[in-house]
Amino acid sequence: MLFRRMLVGVNDGRFFMGNFHCIDKQGNIILQDTIEFRSVRRSAPSPMEQRGLGLILIPSSCRTSCHIDCAVG
């Protein structure tokens, strides 16, 4: 799973997509070359705003979903 693209959702509605770097024994995930996606407005459907963040740590207590790119190629 190292360095594969991972999409992580957090409890405030944001999503982070980056390269999986590691996970610690508490379940915190570190992503590198990360892009944050968030809704511009609270109403659905709303456009997504994005910004580059680089290296981030996502605490396990905030995580709501986690998907890894498993494309065969």
PDB file of N, CA and C in Angstrom:
ATOM      1  N   MET A   1       0.810  -1.201   0.000  1.00  0.00           N
ATOM      2  CA  MET A   1       0.000   0.000   0.000  1.00  0.00           C
ATOM      3  C   MET A   1       0.856   1.268   0.000  1.00  0.00           C
ATOM      4  N   LEU A   2       2.124   1.145   0.283  1.00  0.00           N
ATOM      5  CA  LEU A   2       2.972   2.338   0.338  1.00  0.00           C
ATOM      6  C   LEU A   2       2.967   3.091  -0.980  1.00  0.00           C
ATOM      7  N   PHE A   3       2.822   4.402  -0.882  1.00  0.00           N
ATOM      8  CA  PHE A   3       2.889   5.344  -2.002  1.00  0.00           C
ATOM      9  C   PHE A   3       1.741   5.197  -3.015  1.00  0.00           C
ATOM     10  N   ARG A   4       0.702   4.446  -2.672  1.00  0.00           N
ATOM     11  CA  ARG A   4      -0.484   4.400  -3.528  1.00  0.00           C
ATOM     12  C   ARG A   4      -1.371   5.586  -3.187  1.00  0.00           C
ATOM     13  N   ARG A   5      -2.180   6.009  -4.162  1.00  0.00           N
ATOM     14  CA  ARG A   5      -3.112   7.120  -3.934  1.00  0.00           C
ATOM     15  C   ARG A   5      -4.195   6.660  -2.965  1.00  0.00           C
ATOM     16  N   MET A   6      -4.481   7.498  -1.973  1.00  0.00           N
ATOM     17  CA  MET A   6      -5.488   7.184  -0.966  1.00  0.00           C
ATOM     18  C   MET A   6      -6.416   8.383  -0.819  1.00  0.00           C
ATOM     19  N   LEU A   7      -7.714   8.092  -0.689  1.00  0.00           N
ATOM     20  CA  LEU A   7      -8.722   9.121  -0.452  1.00  0.00           C
ATOM     21  C   LEU A   7      -9.268   8.910   0.950  1.00  0.00           C
ATOM     22  N   VAL A   8      -9.146   9.929   1.794  1.00  0.00           N
ATOM     23  CA  VAL A   8      -9.573   9.837   3.190  1.00  0.00           C
ATOM     24  C   VAL A   8     -10.613  10.915   3.453  1.00  0.00           C
ATOM     25  N   GLY A   9     -11.755  10.508   3.998  1.00  0.00           N
ATOM     26  CA  GLY A   9     -12.801  11.443   4.405  1.00  0.00           C
ATOM     27  C   GLY A   9     -12.719  11.707   5.893  1.00  0.00           C
ATOM     28  N   VAL A  10     -13.009  12.946   6.288  1.00  0.00           N
ATOM     29  CA  VAL A  10     -13.009  13.291   7.713  1.00  0.00           C
ATOM     30  C   VAL A  10     -14.395  13.794   8.115  1.00  0.00           C
ATOM     31  N   ASN A  11     -14.630  13.851   9.426  1.00  0.00           N
ATOM     32  CA  ASN A  11     -15.979  14.090   9.950  1.00  0.00           C
ATOM     33  C   ASN A  11     -16.538  15.489   9.708  1.00  0.00           C
ATOM     34  N   ASP A  12     -15.766  16.428   9.199  1.00  0.00           N
ATOM     35  CA  ASP A  12     -16.320  17.752   8.879  1.00  0.00           C
ATOM     36  C   ASP A  12     -16.695  17.884   7.400  1.00  0.00           C
ATOM     37  N   GLY A  13     -16.631  16.769   6.653  1.00  0.00           N
ATOM     38  CA  GLY A  13     -17.070  16.766   5.267  1.00  0.00           C
ATOM     39  C   GLY A  13     -15.967  16.936   4.235  1.00  0.00           C
ATOM     40  N   ARG A  14     -14.746  17.191   4.686  1.00  0.00           N
ATOM     41  CA  ARG A  14     -13.637  17.342   3.746  1.00  0.00           C
ATOM     42  C   ARG A  14     -13.088  15.973   3.341  1.00  0.00           C
ATOM     43  N   PHE A  15     -12.393  15.952   2.202  1.00  0.00           N
ATOM     44  CA  PHE A  15     -11.699  14.759   1.731  1.00  0.00           C
ATOM     45  C   PHE A  15     -10.263  15.141   1.423  1.00  0.00           C
ATOM     46  N   PHE A  16      -9.357  14.199   1.643  1.00  0.00           N
ATOM     47  CA  PHE A  16      -7.948  14.400   1.355  1.00  0.00           C
ATOM     48  C   PHE A  16      -7.475  13.276   0.443  1.00  0.00           C
ATOM     49  N   MET A  17      -6.811  13.647  -0.658  1.00  0.00           N
ATOM     50  CA  MET A  17      -6.245  12.650  -1.550  1.00  0.00           C
ATOM     51  C   MET A  17      -4.747  12.866  -1.621  1.00  0.00           C
ATOM     52  N   GLY A  18      -4.012  11.802  -1.323  1.00  0.00           N
ATOM     53  CA  GLY A  18      -2.560  11.897  -1.355  1.00  0.00           C
ATOM     54  C   GLY A  18      -1.935  10.527  -1.439  1.00  0.00           C
ATOM     55  N   ASN A  19      -0.621  10.496  -1.454  1.00  0.00           N
ATOM     56  CA  ASN A  19       0.113   9.234  -1.487  1.00  0.00           C
ATOM     57  C   ASN A  19       0.271   8.720  -0.061  1.00  0.00           C
ATOM     58  N   PHE A  20      -0.161   7.477   0.155  1.00  0.00           N
ATOM     59  CA  PHE A  20      -0.063   6.873   1.486  1.00  0.00           C
ATOM     60  C   PHE A  20       1.401   6.736   1.871  1.00  0.00           C
ATOM     61  N   HIS A  21       1.746   7.284   3.045  1.00  0.00           N
ATOM     62  CA  HIS A  21       3.125   7.229   3.524  1.00  0.00           C
ATOM     63  C   HIS A  21       3.263   6.236   4.671  1.00  0.00           C
ATOM     64  N   CYS A  22       2.377   6.338   5.680  1.00  0.00           N
ATOM     65  CA  CYS A  22       2.429   5.386   6.792  1.00  0.00           C
ATOM     66  C   CYS A  22       1.186   5.520   7.669  1.00  0.00           C
ATOM     67  N   ILE A  23       1.040   4.539   8.548  1.00  0.00           N
ATOM     68  CA  ILE A  23      -0.006   4.552   9.568  1.00  0.00           C
ATOM     69  C   ILE A  23       0.660   4.123  10.875  1.00  0.00           C
ATOM     70  N   ASP A  24       0.348   4.794  11.975  1.00  0.00           N
ATOM     71  CA  ASP A  24       0.965   4.426  13.252  1.00  0.00           C
ATOM     72  C   ASP A  24       0.041   3.494  14.033  1.00  0.00           C
ATOM     73  N   LYS A  25       0.491   3.039  15.209  1.00  0.00           N
ATOM     74  CA  LYS A  25      -0.294   2.059  15.955  1.00  0.00           C
ATOM     75  C   LYS A  25      -1.589   2.643  16.519  1.00  0.00           C
ATOM     76  N   GLN A  26      -1.718   3.960  16.570  1.00  0.00           N
ATOM     77  CA  GLN A  26      -2.959   4.597  16.994  1.00  0.00           C
ATOM     78  C   GLN A  26      -3.950   4.729  15.831  1.00  0.00           C
ATOM     79  N   GLY A  27      -3.511   4.461  14.605  1.00  0.00           N
ATOM     80  CA  GLY A  27      -4.384   4.542  13.434  1.00  0.00           C
ATOM     81  C   GLY A  27      -4.326   5.871  12.703  1.00  0.00           C
ATOM     82  N   ASN A  28      -3.416   6.763  13.086  1.00  0.00           N
ATOM     83  CA  ASN A  28      -3.237   8.029  12.376  1.00  0.00           C
ATOM     84  C   ASN A  28      -2.571   7.757  11.031  1.00  0.00           C
ATOM     85  N   ILE A  29      -3.034   8.432   9.989  1.00  0.00           N
ATOM     86  CA  ILE A  29      -2.514   8.222   8.642  1.00  0.00           C
ATOM     87  C   ILE A  29      -1.721   9.442   8.206  1.00  0.00           C
ATOM     88  N   ILE A  30      -0.571   9.201   7.584  1.00  0.00           N
ATOM     89  CA  ILE A  30       0.217  10.283   6.997  1.00  0.00           C
ATOM     90  C   ILE A  30       0.150  10.144   5.483  1.00  0.00           C
ATOM     91  N   LEU A  31      -0.265  11.238   4.832  1.00  0.00           N
ATOM     92  CA  LEU A  31      -0.315  11.311   3.376  1.00  0.00           C
ATOM     93  C   LEU A  31       0.668  12.378   2.910  1.00  0.00           C
ATOM     94  N   GLN A  32       1.294  12.137   1.766  1.00  0.00           N
ATOM     95  CA  GLN A  32       2.178  13.151   1.186  1.00  0.00           C
ATOM     96  C   GLN A  32       1.652  13.578  -0.171  1.00  0.00           C
ATOM     97  N   ASP A  33       2.049  14.754  -0.614  1.00  0.00           N
ATOM     98  CA  ASP A  33       1.554  15.363  -1.865  1.00  0.00           C
ATOM     99  C   ASP A  33       0.025  15.395  -1.863  1.00  0.00           C
ATOM    100  N   THR A  34      -0.540  15.890  -0.778  1.00  0.00           N
ATOM    101  CA  THR A  34      -1.977  15.819  -0.528  1.00  0.00           C
ATOM    102  C   THR A  34      -2.729  17.014  -1.096  1.00  0.00           C
ATOM    103  N   ILE A  35      -3.937  16.732  -1.583  1.00  0.00           N
ATOM    104  CA  ILE A  35      -4.877  17.760  -2.032  1.00  0.00           C
ATOM    105  C   ILE A  35      -6.125  17.652  -1.159  1.00  0.00           C
ATOM    106  N   GLU A  36      -6.573  18.796  -0.650  1.00  0.00           N
ATOM    107  CA  GLU A  36      -7.795  18.856   0.154  1.00  0.00           C
ATOM    108  C   GLU A  36      -8.963  19.239  -0.748  1.00  0.00           C
ATOM    109  N   PHE A  37     -10.088  18.543  -0.584  1.00  0.00           N
ATOM    110  CA  PHE A  37     -11.322  18.854  -1.303  1.00  0.00           C
ATOM    111  C   PHE A  37     -12.388  19.198  -0.270  1.00  0.00           C
ATOM    112  N   ARG A  38     -13.085  20.326  -0.486  1.00  0.00           N
ATOM    113  CA  ARG A  38     -14.173  20.706   0.422  1.00  0.00           C
ATOM    114  C   ARG A  38     -15.267  21.409  -0.362  1.00  0.00           C
ATOM    115  N   SER A  39     -16.495  21.316   0.158  1.00  0.00           N
ATOM    116  CA  SER A  39     -17.632  21.961  -0.482  1.00  0.00           C
ATOM    117  C   SER A  39     -17.554  23.459  -0.285  1.00  0.00           C
ATOM    118  N   VAL A  40     -17.896  24.200  -1.331  1.00  0.00           N
ATOM    119  CA  VAL A  40     -17.896  25.656  -1.252  1.00  0.00           C
ATOM    120  C   VAL A  40     -19.092  26.125  -0.442  1.00  0.00           C
ATOM    121  N   ARG A  41     -20.237  25.461  -0.639  1.00  0.00           N
ATOM    122  CA  ARG A  41     -21.460  25.792   0.095  1.00  0.00           C
ATOM    123  C   ARG A  41     -21.978  24.555   0.813  1.00  0.00           C
ATOM    124  N   ARG A  42     -22.829  24.760   1.794  1.00  0.00           N
ATOM    125  CA  ARG A  42     -23.411  23.652   2.548  1.00  0.00           C
ATOM    126  C   ARG A  42     -24.521  22.936   1.786  1.00  0.00           C
ATOM    127  N   SER A  43     -25.136  23.613   0.802  1.00  0.00           N
ATOM    128  CA  SER A  43     -26.249  23.012   0.072  1.00  0.00           C
ATOM    129  C   SER A  43     -25.723  22.009  -0.958  1.00  0.00           C
ATOM    130  N   ALA A  44     -26.495  20.949  -1.154  1.00  0.00           N
ATOM    131  CA  ALA A  44     -26.096  19.935  -2.139  1.00  0.00           C
ATOM    132  C   ALA A  44     -26.880  20.147  -3.412  1.00  0.00           C
ATOM    133  N   PRO A  45     -26.388  19.907  -4.598  1.00  0.00           N
ATOM    134  CA  PRO A  45     -24.964  19.670  -4.847  1.00  0.00           C
ATOM    135  C   PRO A  45     -24.200  20.985  -4.896  1.00  0.00           C
ATOM    136  N   SER A  46     -23.008  20.966  -4.373  1.00  0.00           N
ATOM    137  CA  SER A  46     -22.202  22.183  -4.409  1.00  0.00           C
ATOM    138  C   SER A  46     -20.852  21.873  -5.035  1.00  0.00           C
ATOM    139  N   PRO A  47     -20.248  22.856  -5.683  1.00  0.00           N
ATOM    140  CA  PRO A  47     -18.932  22.625  -6.286  1.00  0.00           C
ATOM    141  C   PRO A  47     -17.876  22.376  -5.213  1.00  0.00           C
ATOM    142  N   MET A  48     -16.867  21.608  -5.571  1.00  0.00           N
ATOM    143  CA  MET A  48     -15.784  21.306  -4.641  1.00  0.00           C
ATOM    144  C   MET A  48     -14.621  22.260  -4.894  1.00  0.00           C
ATOM    145  N   GLU A  49     -14.081  22.774  -3.812  1.00  0.00           N
ATOM    146  CA  GLU A  49     -12.903  23.626  -3.863  1.00  0.00           C
ATOM    147  C   GLU A  49     -11.711  22.754  -3.485  1.00  0.00           C
ATOM    148  N   GLN A  50     -10.571  22.974  -4.087  1.00  0.00           N
ATOM    149  CA  GLN A  50      -9.405  22.169  -3.743  1.00  0.00           C
ATOM    150  C   GLN A  50      -8.182  23.046  -3.519  1.00  0.00           C
ATOM    151  N   ARG A  51      -7.270  22.530  -2.692  1.00  0.00           N
ATOM    152  CA  ARG A  51      -5.994  23.221  -2.459  1.00  0.00           C
ATOM    153  C   ARG A  51      -4.931  22.196  -2.098  1.00  0.00           C
ATOM    154  N   GLY A  52      -3.697  22.469  -2.465  1.00  0.00           N
ATOM    155  CA  GLY A  52      -2.579  21.591  -2.165  1.00  0.00           C
ATOM    156  C   GLY A  52      -2.084  21.795  -0.746  1.00  0.00           C
ATOM    157  N   LEU A  53      -1.797  20.692  -0.063  1.00  0.00           N
ATOM    158  CA  LEU A  53      -1.342  20.774   1.325  1.00  0.00           C
ATOM    159  C   LEU A  53       0.037  20.181   1.560  1.00  0.00           C
ATOM    160  N   GLY A  54       0.465  19.245   0.754  1.00  0.00           N
ATOM    161  CA  GLY A  54       1.758  18.601   0.985  1.00  0.00           C
ATOM    162  C   GLY A  54       1.633  17.419   1.920  1.00  0.00           C
ATOM    163  N   LEU A  55       2.470  17.376   2.969  1.00  0.00           N
ATOM    164  CA  LEU A  55       2.515  16.268   3.928  1.00  0.00           C
ATOM    165  C   LEU A  55       1.570  16.567   5.091  1.00  0.00           C
ATOM    166  N   ILE A  56       0.614  15.648   5.357  1.00  0.00           N
ATOM    167  CA  ILE A  56      -0.337  15.875   6.453  1.00  0.00           C
ATOM    168  C   ILE A  56      -0.524  14.608   7.279  1.00  0.00           C
ATOM    169  N   LEU A  57      -0.961  14.785   8.513  1.00  0.00           N
ATOM    170  CA  LEU A  57      -1.345  13.690   9.396  1.00  0.00           C
ATOM    171  C   LEU A  57      -2.838  13.802   9.638  1.00  0.00           C
ATOM    172  N   ILE A  58      -3.559  12.701   9.432  1.00  0.00           N
ATOM    173  CA  ILE A  58      -5.001  12.660   9.672  1.00  0.00           C
ATOM    174  C   ILE A  58      -5.241  11.789  10.891  1.00  0.00           C
ATOM    175  N   PRO A  59      -5.710  12.374  11.999  1.00  0.00           N
ATOM    176  CA  PRO A  59      -5.958  11.591  13.206  1.00  0.00           C
ATOM    177  C   PRO A  59      -7.062  10.558  12.998  1.00  0.00           C
ATOM    178  N   SER A  60      -6.908   9.405  13.618  1.00  0.00           N
ATOM    179  CA  SER A  60      -7.901   8.337  13.473  1.00  0.00           C
ATOM    180  C   SER A  60      -9.262   8.771  14.014  1.00  0.00           C
ATOM    181  N   SER A  61      -9.290   9.665  14.994  1.00  0.00           N
ATOM    182  CA  SER A  61     -10.552  10.109  15.584  1.00  0.00           C
ATOM    183  C   SER A  61     -11.380  10.958  14.625  1.00  0.00           C
ATOM    184  N   CYS A  62     -10.752  11.534  13.605  1.00  0.00           N
ATOM    185  CA  CYS A  62     -11.448  12.382  12.627  1.00  0.00           C
ATOM    186  C   CYS A  62     -11.852  11.631  11.371  1.00  0.00           C
ATOM    187  N   ARG A  63     -11.271  10.473  11.125  1.00  0.00           N
ATOM    188  CA  ARG A  63     -11.450   9.744   9.869  1.00  0.00           C
ATOM    189  C   ARG A  63     -12.821   9.068   9.813  1.00  0.00           C
ATOM    190  N   THR A  64     -13.519   9.246   8.681  1.00  0.00           N
ATOM    191  CA  THR A  64     -14.811   8.591   8.481  1.00  0.00           C
ATOM    192  C   THR A  64     -14.775   7.570   7.356  1.00  0.00           C
ATOM    193  N   SER A  65     -13.854   7.735   6.404  1.00  0.00           N
ATOM    194  CA  SER A  65     -13.723   6.779   5.304  1.00  0.00           C
ATOM    195  C   SER A  65     -12.284   6.769   4.799  1.00  0.00           C
ATOM    196  N   CYS A  66     -11.939   5.666   4.150  1.00  0.00           N
ATOM    197  CA  CYS A  66     -10.575   5.518   3.650  1.00  0.00           C
ATOM    198  C   CYS A  66     -10.613   4.571   2.459  1.00  0.00           C
ATOM    199  N   HIS A  67     -10.182   5.048   1.301  1.00  0.00           N
ATOM    200  CA  HIS A  67     -10.175   4.237   0.076  1.00  0.00           C
ATOM    201  C   HIS A  67      -8.818   4.348  -0.575  1.00  0.00           C
ATOM    202  N   ILE A  68      -8.318   3.208  -1.045  1.00  0.00           N
ATOM    203  CA  ILE A  68      -7.005   3.200  -1.703  1.00  0.00           C
ATOM    204  C   ILE A  68      -7.184   2.815  -3.171  1.00  0.00           C
ATOM    205  N   ASP A  69      -6.387   3.416  -4.034  1.00  0.00           N
ATOM    206  CA  ASP A  69      -6.435   3.107  -5.461  1.00  0.00           C
ATOM    207  C   ASP A  69      -5.785   1.757  -5.701  1.00  0.00           C
ATOM    208  N   CYS A  70      -6.598   0.782  -6.066  1.00  0.00           N
ATOM    209  CA  CYS A  70      -6.106  -0.578  -6.289  1.00  0.00           C
ATOM    210  C   CYS A  70      -6.166  -0.952  -7.751  1.00  0.00           C
ATOM    211  N   ALA A  71      -6.074   0.020  -8.630  1.00  0.00           N
ATOM    212  CA  ALA A  71      -6.152  -0.256 -10.061  1.00  0.00           C
ATOM    213  C   ALA A  71      -4.991  -1.131 -10.491  1.00  0.00           C
ATOM    214  N   VAL A  72      -5.292  -2.130 -11.307  1.00  0.00           N
ATOM    215  CA  VAL A  72      -4.265  -3.010 -11.847  1.00  0.00           C
ATOM    216  C   VAL A  72      -3.729  -2.351 -13.107  1.00  0.00           C
ATOM    217  N   GLY A  73      -2.445  -2.224 -13.193  1.00  0.00           N
ATOM    218  CA  GLY A  73      -1.945  -1.545 -14.358  1.00  0.00           C
ATOM    219  C   GLY A  73      -0.517  -1.708 -14.481  1.00  0.00           C
TER     220      GLY A  73
END
